[in-house]
Amino acid sequence: MQAAIHSLPAGRTAPGQVPSRQVPRAAHGLLSLTYPNKELFHRQCALLRGAVPAGFPSPADDYVEQHISLDEHLIRHPESTFFMRVAGDSMRGLGIFDGDLLVVDRSLPTAHGCVVIAVLDGEFTVKQLLHTAEGQVLRAAHPAYADTLIKPEQDFSIWGVVRWNVHKV
């Protein structure tokens, strides 16, 4: 099985946070919420010396330079990092597909354009957060989905910032 892991940019301003004990019901776009799997992520994998060229192939080195652990590279704040599985295609324009695994950090600040897990009227959704003259907007990355302008009467908070997206190649 091959997987691709993509980093998504984090922002700069503090998000409104939902207390960790308050977890909304599943919403369109997200299936599950889990803590990091310690058995999976504390496993050391070999890191081959040198980069893999994406152009013309070159002979591979036949020895290991060092060992790495994915949790050291994917998780900055273990106590506030969660995994979420994507359901739906509203974010495919940003390379987030149905079935992908998102690495979400609840301790990171948000900024215009970052991908977030938002809680809108009690339901999770994954969208790009925009700050506009009209207010905060949740934008899908698919032309079939309209922008959602957050209205003052809506129950809205940012649950976490998507740091990484893992999907099968």
N, C-alpha and C. Protein backbone atom coordinates (compact mmCIF):
# COMPACT_ATOMS: atom_id res chain seq x y z
N MET A 1 0.84 -1.18 0.00
CA MET A 1 0.00 0.00 0.00
C MET A 1 0.89 1.24 0.00
N GLN A 2 0.62 2.15 -0.88
CA GLN A 2 1.34 3.40 -0.93
C GLN A 2 0.47 4.50 -0.33
N ALA A 3 1.09 5.48 0.27
CA ALA A 3 0.35 6.59 0.83
C ALA A 3 1.08 7.87 0.53
N ALA A 4 0.33 8.93 0.37
CA ALA A 4 0.91 10.26 0.20
C ALA A 4 0.55 11.06 1.43
N ILE A 5 1.50 11.82 1.94
CA ILE A 5 1.27 12.65 3.11
C ILE A 5 1.54 14.08 2.70
N HIS A 6 0.54 14.93 2.85
CA HIS A 6 0.65 16.32 2.43
C HIS A 6 0.52 17.25 3.62
N SER A 7 1.40 18.22 3.70
CA SER A 7 1.32 19.22 4.76
C SER A 7 0.38 20.33 4.32
N LEU A 8 -0.42 20.81 5.24
CA LEU A 8 -1.31 21.93 4.98
C LEU A 8 -0.87 23.08 5.87
N PRO A 9 -0.91 24.30 5.38
CA PRO A 9 -0.37 25.43 6.13
C PRO A 9 -1.17 25.75 7.38
N ALA A 10 -0.45 26.11 8.43
CA ALA A 10 -1.09 26.57 9.66
C ALA A 10 -1.10 28.09 9.65
N GLY A 11 -1.95 28.69 10.48
CA GLY A 11 -2.10 30.13 10.45
C GLY A 11 -1.47 30.84 11.62
N ARG A 12 -1.96 32.06 11.88
CA ARG A 12 -1.30 32.92 12.87
C ARG A 12 -2.21 33.44 13.97
N THR A 13 -3.53 33.49 13.78
CA THR A 13 -4.38 34.08 14.81
C THR A 13 -5.07 32.99 15.62
N ALA A 14 -5.35 33.26 16.87
CA ALA A 14 -5.91 32.25 17.77
C ALA A 14 -7.32 31.86 17.38
N PRO A 15 -7.61 30.56 17.31
CA PRO A 15 -8.96 30.09 16.99
C PRO A 15 -9.83 30.03 18.23
N GLY A 16 -11.15 30.08 18.03
CA GLY A 16 -12.07 29.75 19.10
C GLY A 16 -12.07 28.25 19.22
N GLN A 17 -11.93 27.73 20.40
CA GLN A 17 -11.78 26.29 20.57
C GLN A 17 -13.00 25.70 21.25
N VAL A 18 -13.33 24.48 20.85
CA VAL A 18 -14.38 23.71 21.49
C VAL A 18 -13.69 22.88 22.57
N PRO A 19 -14.18 22.85 23.80
CA PRO A 19 -13.54 22.03 24.82
C PRO A 19 -13.43 20.58 24.36
N SER A 20 -12.34 19.91 24.70
CA SER A 20 -12.11 18.55 24.22
C SER A 20 -13.20 17.59 24.66
N ARG A 21 -13.87 17.87 25.78
CA ARG A 21 -14.95 16.98 26.23
C ARG A 21 -16.21 17.16 25.38
N GLN A 22 -16.31 18.25 24.66
CA GLN A 22 -17.49 18.54 23.85
C GLN A 22 -17.19 18.19 22.40
N VAL A 23 -17.62 17.01 21.97
CA VAL A 23 -17.36 16.55 20.62
C VAL A 23 -18.69 16.50 19.87
N PRO A 24 -18.83 17.29 18.81
CA PRO A 24 -20.08 17.30 18.07
C PRO A 24 -20.35 15.99 17.35
N ARG A 25 -21.58 15.84 16.92
CA ARG A 25 -21.92 14.64 16.16
C ARG A 25 -21.24 14.70 14.80
N ALA A 26 -21.11 13.56 14.15
CA ALA A 26 -20.46 13.50 12.84
C ALA A 26 -21.24 14.33 11.83
N ALA A 27 -20.52 14.98 10.95
CA ALA A 27 -21.14 15.84 9.95
C ALA A 27 -20.72 15.42 8.55
N HIS A 28 -21.37 15.99 7.56
CA HIS A 28 -20.99 15.73 6.18
C HIS A 28 -19.54 16.10 5.99
N GLY A 29 -18.75 15.19 5.49
CA GLY A 29 -17.35 15.47 5.24
C GLY A 29 -16.40 14.80 6.21
N LEU A 30 -16.88 14.32 7.35
CA LEU A 30 -16.00 13.68 8.31
C LEU A 30 -16.65 12.44 8.89
N LEU A 31 -15.86 11.40 9.09
CA LEU A 31 -16.39 10.15 9.62
C LEU A 31 -16.02 9.89 11.06
N SER A 32 -14.75 10.05 11.40
CA SER A 32 -14.35 9.60 12.72
C SER A 32 -13.31 10.51 13.34
N LEU A 33 -13.16 10.38 14.63
CA LEU A 33 -12.22 11.17 15.40
C LEU A 33 -11.51 10.21 16.33
N THR A 34 -10.18 10.15 16.27
CA THR A 34 -9.44 9.22 17.11
C THR A 34 -8.18 9.86 17.64
N TYR A 35 -7.70 9.34 18.75
CA TYR A 35 -6.40 9.74 19.27
C TYR A 35 -5.33 9.06 18.45
N PRO A 36 -4.10 9.59 18.45
CA PRO A 36 -3.01 8.92 17.73
C PRO A 36 -2.83 7.49 18.22
N ASN A 37 -2.60 6.60 17.29
CA ASN A 37 -2.36 5.19 17.59
C ASN A 37 -0.90 5.04 17.98
N LYS A 38 -0.64 4.86 19.26
CA LYS A 38 0.74 4.81 19.76
C LYS A 38 1.52 3.66 19.13
N GLU A 39 0.88 2.50 18.93
CA GLU A 39 1.59 1.37 18.34
C GLU A 39 2.02 1.66 16.92
N LEU A 40 1.20 2.32 16.14
CA LEU A 40 1.52 2.64 14.76
C LEU A 40 2.59 3.71 14.66
N PHE A 41 2.45 4.77 15.42
CA PHE A 41 3.31 5.91 15.24
C PHE A 41 4.63 5.86 15.99
N HIS A 42 4.79 4.98 16.95
CA HIS A 42 6.06 4.90 17.63
C HIS A 42 6.97 3.85 17.00
N ARG A 43 6.60 3.38 15.86
CA ARG A 43 7.41 2.42 15.13
C ARG A 43 8.47 3.18 14.34
N GLN A 44 9.69 2.72 14.39
CA GLN A 44 10.79 3.35 13.67
C GLN A 44 10.87 2.75 12.27
N CYS A 45 10.97 3.59 11.26
CA CYS A 45 11.09 3.15 9.87
C CYS A 45 12.43 3.64 9.33
N ALA A 46 12.97 2.91 8.37
CA ALA A 46 14.26 3.28 7.79
C ALA A 46 14.11 4.49 6.88
N LEU A 47 15.03 5.42 6.96
CA LEU A 47 15.10 6.57 6.07
C LEU A 47 16.33 6.39 5.21
N LEU A 48 16.13 6.23 3.90
CA LEU A 48 17.26 6.06 3.00
C LEU A 48 17.97 7.38 2.78
N ARG A 49 19.28 7.32 2.61
CA ARG A 49 20.07 8.51 2.41
C ARG A 49 19.75 9.11 1.05
N GLY A 50 19.65 10.41 0.99
CA GLY A 50 19.38 11.12 -0.27
C GLY A 50 17.90 11.21 -0.56
N ALA A 51 17.58 12.12 -1.45
CA ALA A 51 16.18 12.32 -1.87
C ALA A 51 15.88 11.46 -3.09
N VAL A 52 14.62 11.14 -3.27
CA VAL A 52 14.19 10.37 -4.43
C VAL A 52 13.86 11.35 -5.55
N PRO A 53 14.53 11.25 -6.70
CA PRO A 53 14.24 12.18 -7.78
C PRO A 53 12.86 11.91 -8.38
N ALA A 54 12.15 12.97 -8.68
CA ALA A 54 10.84 12.84 -9.31
C ALA A 54 10.97 12.87 -10.82
N GLY A 55 12.15 13.12 -11.31
CA GLY A 55 12.40 13.15 -12.76
C GLY A 55 13.01 11.85 -13.21
N PHE A 56 14.18 11.93 -13.86
CA PHE A 56 14.87 10.75 -14.37
C PHE A 56 15.39 9.91 -13.21
N PRO A 57 15.15 8.59 -13.23
CA PRO A 57 15.57 7.75 -12.11
C PRO A 57 17.09 7.65 -11.98
N SER A 58 17.54 7.49 -10.72
CA SER A 58 18.96 7.26 -10.46
C SER A 58 19.09 6.04 -9.56
N PRO A 59 20.27 5.39 -9.54
CA PRO A 59 20.44 4.21 -8.68
C PRO A 59 20.23 4.56 -7.21
N ALA A 60 19.56 3.67 -6.49
CA ALA A 60 19.27 3.91 -5.07
C ALA A 60 20.48 3.54 -4.22
N ASP A 61 20.65 4.25 -3.14
CA ASP A 61 21.68 3.89 -2.17
C ASP A 61 21.25 2.59 -1.51
N ASP A 62 22.22 1.76 -1.19
CA ASP A 62 21.86 0.46 -0.61
C ASP A 62 22.15 0.38 0.88
N TYR A 63 22.07 1.49 1.56
CA TYR A 63 22.15 1.45 3.02
C TYR A 63 21.26 2.52 3.62
N VAL A 64 20.94 2.31 4.87
CA VAL A 64 20.05 3.21 5.60
C VAL A 64 20.88 4.29 6.28
N GLU A 65 20.46 5.54 6.11
CA GLU A 65 21.15 6.65 6.76
C GLU A 65 20.78 6.76 8.23
N GLN A 66 19.51 6.64 8.52
CA GLN A 66 19.01 6.75 9.89
C GLN A 66 17.62 6.15 9.95
N HIS A 67 17.06 6.13 11.14
CA HIS A 67 15.68 5.69 11.32
C HIS A 67 14.85 6.90 11.73
N ILE A 68 13.61 6.93 11.27
CA ILE A 68 12.71 8.01 11.63
C ILE A 68 11.41 7.41 12.16
N SER A 69 10.69 8.21 12.89
CA SER A 69 9.38 7.84 13.38
C SER A 69 8.41 8.87 12.83
N LEU A 70 7.33 8.43 12.22
CA LEU A 70 6.38 9.37 11.62
C LEU A 70 5.79 10.33 12.64
N ASP A 71 5.60 9.89 13.87
CA ASP A 71 5.03 10.81 14.85
C ASP A 71 5.95 12.00 15.12
N GLU A 72 7.25 11.83 14.97
CA GLU A 72 8.17 12.94 15.16
C GLU A 72 8.04 13.99 14.05
N HIS A 73 7.57 13.57 12.90
CA HIS A 73 7.43 14.48 11.76
C HIS A 73 6.01 15.00 11.55
N LEU A 74 5.03 14.21 11.94
CA LEU A 74 3.64 14.59 11.69
C LEU A 74 2.95 15.22 12.89
N ILE A 75 3.45 14.96 14.09
CA ILE A 75 2.75 15.40 15.29
C ILE A 75 3.65 16.30 16.11
N ARG A 76 3.29 17.58 16.20
CA ARG A 76 4.02 18.55 17.02
C ARG A 76 3.57 18.51 18.48
N HIS A 77 2.26 18.38 18.65
CA HIS A 77 1.65 18.45 19.98
C HIS A 77 0.79 17.20 20.21
N PRO A 78 1.39 16.11 20.69
CA PRO A 78 0.65 14.84 20.83
C PRO A 78 -0.63 14.96 21.65
N GLU A 79 -0.61 15.78 22.70
CA GLU A 79 -1.78 15.89 23.57
C GLU A 79 -2.96 16.59 22.91
N SER A 80 -2.72 17.30 21.81
CA SER A 80 -3.81 18.01 21.14
C SER A 80 -3.98 17.61 19.68
N THR A 81 -3.40 16.47 19.30
CA THR A 81 -3.48 16.01 17.91
C THR A 81 -4.45 14.84 17.80
N PHE A 82 -5.28 14.89 16.77
CA PHE A 82 -6.29 13.87 16.52
C PHE A 82 -6.24 13.50 15.04
N PHE A 83 -6.77 12.33 14.73
CA PHE A 83 -6.93 11.90 13.34
C PHE A 83 -8.42 11.94 13.01
N MET A 84 -8.71 12.36 11.79
CA MET A 84 -10.10 12.36 11.32
C MET A 84 -10.13 11.79 9.92
N ARG A 85 -11.12 10.99 9.63
CA ARG A 85 -11.28 10.39 8.32
C ARG A 85 -12.27 11.24 7.52
N VAL A 86 -11.95 11.53 6.27
CA VAL A 86 -12.79 12.37 5.41
C VAL A 86 -13.85 11.51 4.73
N ALA A 87 -15.05 12.06 4.65
CA ALA A 87 -16.14 11.43 3.89
C ALA A 87 -16.70 12.51 2.97
N GLY A 88 -16.62 12.28 1.69
CA GLY A 88 -17.14 13.25 0.74
C GLY A 88 -16.04 13.86 -0.12
N ASP A 89 -16.46 14.67 -1.08
CA ASP A 89 -15.51 15.20 -2.07
C ASP A 89 -15.44 16.72 -2.09
N SER A 90 -15.94 17.39 -1.05
CA SER A 90 -16.00 18.85 -1.08
C SER A 90 -14.64 19.53 -1.04
N MET A 91 -13.58 18.80 -0.70
CA MET A 91 -12.26 19.41 -0.59
C MET A 91 -11.25 18.87 -1.61
N ARG A 92 -11.74 18.19 -2.61
CA ARG A 92 -10.83 17.54 -3.57
C ARG A 92 -9.95 18.54 -4.33
N GLY A 93 -10.38 19.77 -4.49
CA GLY A 93 -9.58 20.78 -5.17
C GLY A 93 -8.30 21.12 -4.42
N LEU A 94 -8.24 20.79 -3.14
CA LEU A 94 -7.03 20.99 -2.33
C LEU A 94 -6.32 19.66 -2.07
N GLY A 95 -6.70 18.62 -2.82
CA GLY A 95 -6.04 17.33 -2.67
C GLY A 95 -6.51 16.51 -1.48
N ILE A 96 -7.68 16.84 -0.94
CA ILE A 96 -8.26 16.09 0.18
C ILE A 96 -9.42 15.29 -0.39
N PHE A 97 -9.30 13.96 -0.34
CA PHE A 97 -10.26 13.08 -0.99
C PHE A 97 -11.02 12.22 0.01
N ASP A 98 -12.14 11.67 -0.45
CA ASP A 98 -12.95 10.77 0.33
C ASP A 98 -12.07 9.63 0.86
N GLY A 99 -12.12 9.38 2.15
CA GLY A 99 -11.33 8.31 2.76
C GLY A 99 -9.97 8.73 3.27
N ASP A 100 -9.52 9.94 2.96
CA ASP A 100 -8.22 10.41 3.45
C ASP A 100 -8.22 10.51 4.97
N LEU A 101 -7.02 10.44 5.53
CA LEU A 101 -6.83 10.59 6.96
C LEU A 101 -6.20 11.95 7.21
N LEU A 102 -6.85 12.77 8.01
CA LEU A 102 -6.34 14.10 8.33
C LEU A 102 -5.69 14.07 9.71
N VAL A 103 -4.56 14.75 9.83
CA VAL A 103 -3.90 14.94 11.11
C VAL A 103 -4.26 16.36 11.55
N VAL A 104 -5.01 16.46 12.63
CA VAL A 104 -5.58 17.73 13.09
C VAL A 104 -4.97 18.11 14.43
N ASP A 105 -4.46 19.34 14.50
CA ASP A 105 -3.86 19.84 15.74
C ASP A 105 -4.77 20.93 16.30
N ARG A 106 -5.27 20.70 17.50
CA ARG A 106 -6.20 21.64 18.14
C ARG A 106 -5.49 22.82 18.78
N SER A 107 -4.16 22.75 18.91
CA SER A 107 -3.44 23.82 19.59
C SER A 107 -2.92 24.89 18.64
N LEU A 108 -3.03 24.67 17.34
CA LEU A 108 -2.47 25.62 16.38
C LEU A 108 -3.42 26.78 16.12
N PRO A 109 -2.87 27.95 15.87
CA PRO A 109 -3.69 29.11 15.50
C PRO A 109 -4.15 29.00 14.05
N THR A 110 -5.15 29.77 13.71
CA THR A 110 -5.65 29.79 12.34
C THR A 110 -5.28 31.09 11.65
N ALA A 111 -5.40 31.07 10.33
CA ALA A 111 -5.17 32.28 9.53
C ALA A 111 -6.00 32.16 8.26
N HIS A 112 -6.14 33.26 7.58
CA HIS A 112 -6.85 33.30 6.31
C HIS A 112 -6.28 32.24 5.37
N GLY A 113 -7.14 31.39 4.87
CA GLY A 113 -6.73 30.39 3.88
C GLY A 113 -6.34 29.04 4.42
N CYS A 114 -6.23 28.88 5.74
CA CYS A 114 -5.84 27.57 6.25
C CYS A 114 -7.04 26.62 6.23
N VAL A 115 -6.73 25.32 6.23
CA VAL A 115 -7.77 24.29 6.24
C VAL A 115 -8.04 23.95 7.70
N VAL A 116 -9.31 23.97 8.06
CA VAL A 116 -9.70 23.77 9.45
C VAL A 116 -10.79 22.71 9.57
N ILE A 117 -10.89 22.20 10.79
CA ILE A 117 -12.06 21.43 11.17
C ILE A 117 -12.91 22.42 11.95
N ALA A 118 -14.06 22.73 11.42
CA ALA A 118 -14.97 23.69 12.05
C ALA A 118 -16.16 22.93 12.63
N VAL A 119 -16.76 23.54 13.62
CA VAL A 119 -18.01 23.03 14.17
C VAL A 119 -19.05 24.10 13.87
N LEU A 120 -19.99 23.74 13.01
CA LEU A 120 -21.03 24.66 12.59
C LEU A 120 -22.38 24.08 12.97
N ASP A 121 -23.05 24.77 13.87
CA ASP A 121 -24.35 24.32 14.38
C ASP A 121 -24.30 22.86 14.86
N GLY A 122 -23.23 22.54 15.59
CA GLY A 122 -23.10 21.23 16.22
C GLY A 122 -22.56 20.12 15.34
N GLU A 123 -22.13 20.43 14.14
CA GLU A 123 -21.62 19.40 13.24
C GLU A 123 -20.22 19.75 12.75
N PHE A 124 -19.37 18.72 12.65
CA PHE A 124 -18.04 18.89 12.09
C PHE A 124 -18.11 19.13 10.58
N THR A 125 -17.16 19.90 10.09
CA THR A 125 -16.95 20.02 8.65
C THR A 125 -15.49 20.40 8.42
N VAL A 126 -14.94 19.96 7.31
CA VAL A 126 -13.58 20.36 6.95
C VAL A 126 -13.69 21.33 5.78
N LYS A 127 -13.12 22.52 5.96
CA LYS A 127 -13.20 23.57 4.93
C LYS A 127 -12.00 24.48 5.05
N GLN A 128 -11.85 25.33 4.05
CA GLN A 128 -10.83 26.37 4.08
C GLN A 128 -11.47 27.59 4.74
N LEU A 129 -10.75 28.17 5.71
CA LEU A 129 -11.26 29.33 6.45
C LEU A 129 -10.78 30.61 5.78
N LEU A 130 -11.72 31.49 5.45
CA LEU A 130 -11.40 32.78 4.84
C LEU A 130 -11.93 33.90 5.71
N HIS A 131 -11.15 34.97 5.81
CA HIS A 131 -11.59 36.17 6.51
C HIS A 131 -11.89 37.21 5.43
N THR A 132 -13.15 37.61 5.30
CA THR A 132 -13.55 38.56 4.27
C THR A 132 -14.15 39.80 4.91
N ALA A 133 -14.47 40.79 4.09
CA ALA A 133 -15.11 42.01 4.58
C ALA A 133 -16.49 41.69 5.18
N GLU A 134 -17.15 40.65 4.68
CA GLU A 134 -18.47 40.25 5.19
C GLU A 134 -18.38 39.43 6.47
N GLY A 135 -17.20 38.87 6.76
CA GLY A 135 -17.02 38.03 7.95
C GLY A 135 -16.27 36.76 7.60
N GLN A 136 -16.36 35.77 8.49
CA GLN A 136 -15.68 34.50 8.24
C GLN A 136 -16.48 33.65 7.27
N VAL A 137 -15.75 33.01 6.36
CA VAL A 137 -16.36 32.16 5.34
C VAL A 137 -15.69 30.80 5.37
N LEU A 138 -16.49 29.75 5.27
CA LEU A 138 -15.97 28.40 5.10
C LEU A 138 -16.12 28.06 3.62
N ARG A 139 -15.00 27.75 2.98
CA ARG A 139 -15.01 27.50 1.54
C ARG A 139 -14.64 26.05 1.25
N ALA A 140 -15.46 25.42 0.43
CA ALA A 140 -15.15 24.09 -0.08
C ALA A 140 -14.18 24.25 -1.25
N ALA A 141 -13.51 23.19 -1.59
CA ALA A 141 -12.58 23.21 -2.72
C ALA A 141 -13.15 22.36 -3.85
N HIS A 142 -14.40 22.62 -4.16
CA HIS A 142 -15.12 21.89 -5.21
C HIS A 142 -16.22 22.83 -5.72
N PRO A 143 -16.33 22.99 -7.03
CA PRO A 143 -17.30 23.96 -7.56
C PRO A 143 -18.77 23.63 -7.26
N ALA A 144 -19.08 22.40 -6.89
CA ALA A 144 -20.47 22.03 -6.61
C ALA A 144 -20.93 22.50 -5.23
N TYR A 145 -20.02 22.99 -4.41
CA TYR A 145 -20.35 23.39 -3.05
C TYR A 145 -20.20 24.90 -2.89
N ALA A 146 -21.23 25.54 -2.36
CA ALA A 146 -21.21 26.99 -2.16
C ALA A 146 -20.44 27.35 -0.90
N ASP A 147 -19.94 28.58 -0.87
CA ASP A 147 -19.31 29.12 0.34
C ASP A 147 -20.35 29.23 1.44
N THR A 148 -19.90 29.13 2.68
CA THR A 148 -20.78 29.31 3.82
C THR A 148 -20.31 30.53 4.61
N LEU A 149 -21.07 31.60 4.54
CA LEU A 149 -20.78 32.79 5.34
C LEU A 149 -21.33 32.54 6.74
N ILE A 150 -20.47 32.67 7.74
CA ILE A 150 -20.88 32.42 9.12
C ILE A 150 -21.70 33.60 9.62
N LYS A 151 -22.94 33.30 10.01
CA LYS A 151 -23.85 34.33 10.51
C LYS A 151 -23.72 34.43 12.03
N PRO A 152 -23.94 35.62 12.58
CA PRO A 152 -23.79 35.81 14.03
C PRO A 152 -24.66 34.88 14.87
N GLU A 153 -25.82 34.51 14.37
CA GLU A 153 -26.72 33.65 15.15
C GLU A 153 -26.33 32.17 15.10
N GLN A 154 -25.36 31.81 14.26
CA GLN A 154 -24.94 30.42 14.15
C GLN A 154 -23.96 30.05 15.26
N ASP A 155 -24.05 28.81 15.69
CA ASP A 155 -23.09 28.26 16.65
C ASP A 155 -21.88 27.82 15.84
N PHE A 156 -20.77 28.54 15.99
CA PHE A 156 -19.58 28.32 15.16
C PHE A 156 -18.32 28.38 15.99
N SER A 157 -17.43 27.43 15.76
CA SER A 157 -16.09 27.47 16.37
C SER A 157 -15.13 26.68 15.49
N ILE A 158 -13.86 26.99 15.66
CA ILE A 158 -12.81 26.24 14.99
C ILE A 158 -12.36 25.16 15.97
N TRP A 159 -12.46 23.91 15.56
CA TRP A 159 -12.10 22.79 16.42
C TRP A 159 -10.61 22.48 16.34
N GLY A 160 -10.02 22.65 15.15
CA GLY A 160 -8.59 22.39 14.99
C GLY A 160 -8.13 22.75 13.59
N VAL A 161 -6.82 22.74 13.41
CA VAL A 161 -6.20 23.07 12.14
C VAL A 161 -5.66 21.78 11.52
N VAL A 162 -5.97 21.57 10.25
CA VAL A 162 -5.47 20.38 9.54
C VAL A 162 -4.01 20.63 9.18
N ARG A 163 -3.13 19.77 9.71
CA ARG A 163 -1.69 19.89 9.45
C ARG A 163 -1.24 18.99 8.31
N TRP A 164 -1.79 17.79 8.26
CA TRP A 164 -1.36 16.82 7.26
C TRP A 164 -2.58 16.08 6.71
N ASN A 165 -2.43 15.66 5.48
CA ASN A 165 -3.44 14.84 4.81
C ASN A 165 -2.73 13.59 4.31
N VAL A 166 -3.23 12.42 4.68
CA VAL A 166 -2.64 11.15 4.26
C VAL A 166 -3.63 10.45 3.37
N HIS A 167 -3.20 10.11 2.16
CA HIS A 167 -4.09 9.34 1.29
C HIS A 167 -3.31 8.36 0.44
N LYS A 168 -4.00 7.35 0.00
CA LYS A 168 -3.42 6.32 -0.83
C LYS A 168 -3.12 6.88 -2.22
N VAL A 169 -2.00 6.50 -2.76
CA VAL A 169 -1.61 6.98 -4.10
C VAL A 169 -2.10 6.01 -5.14
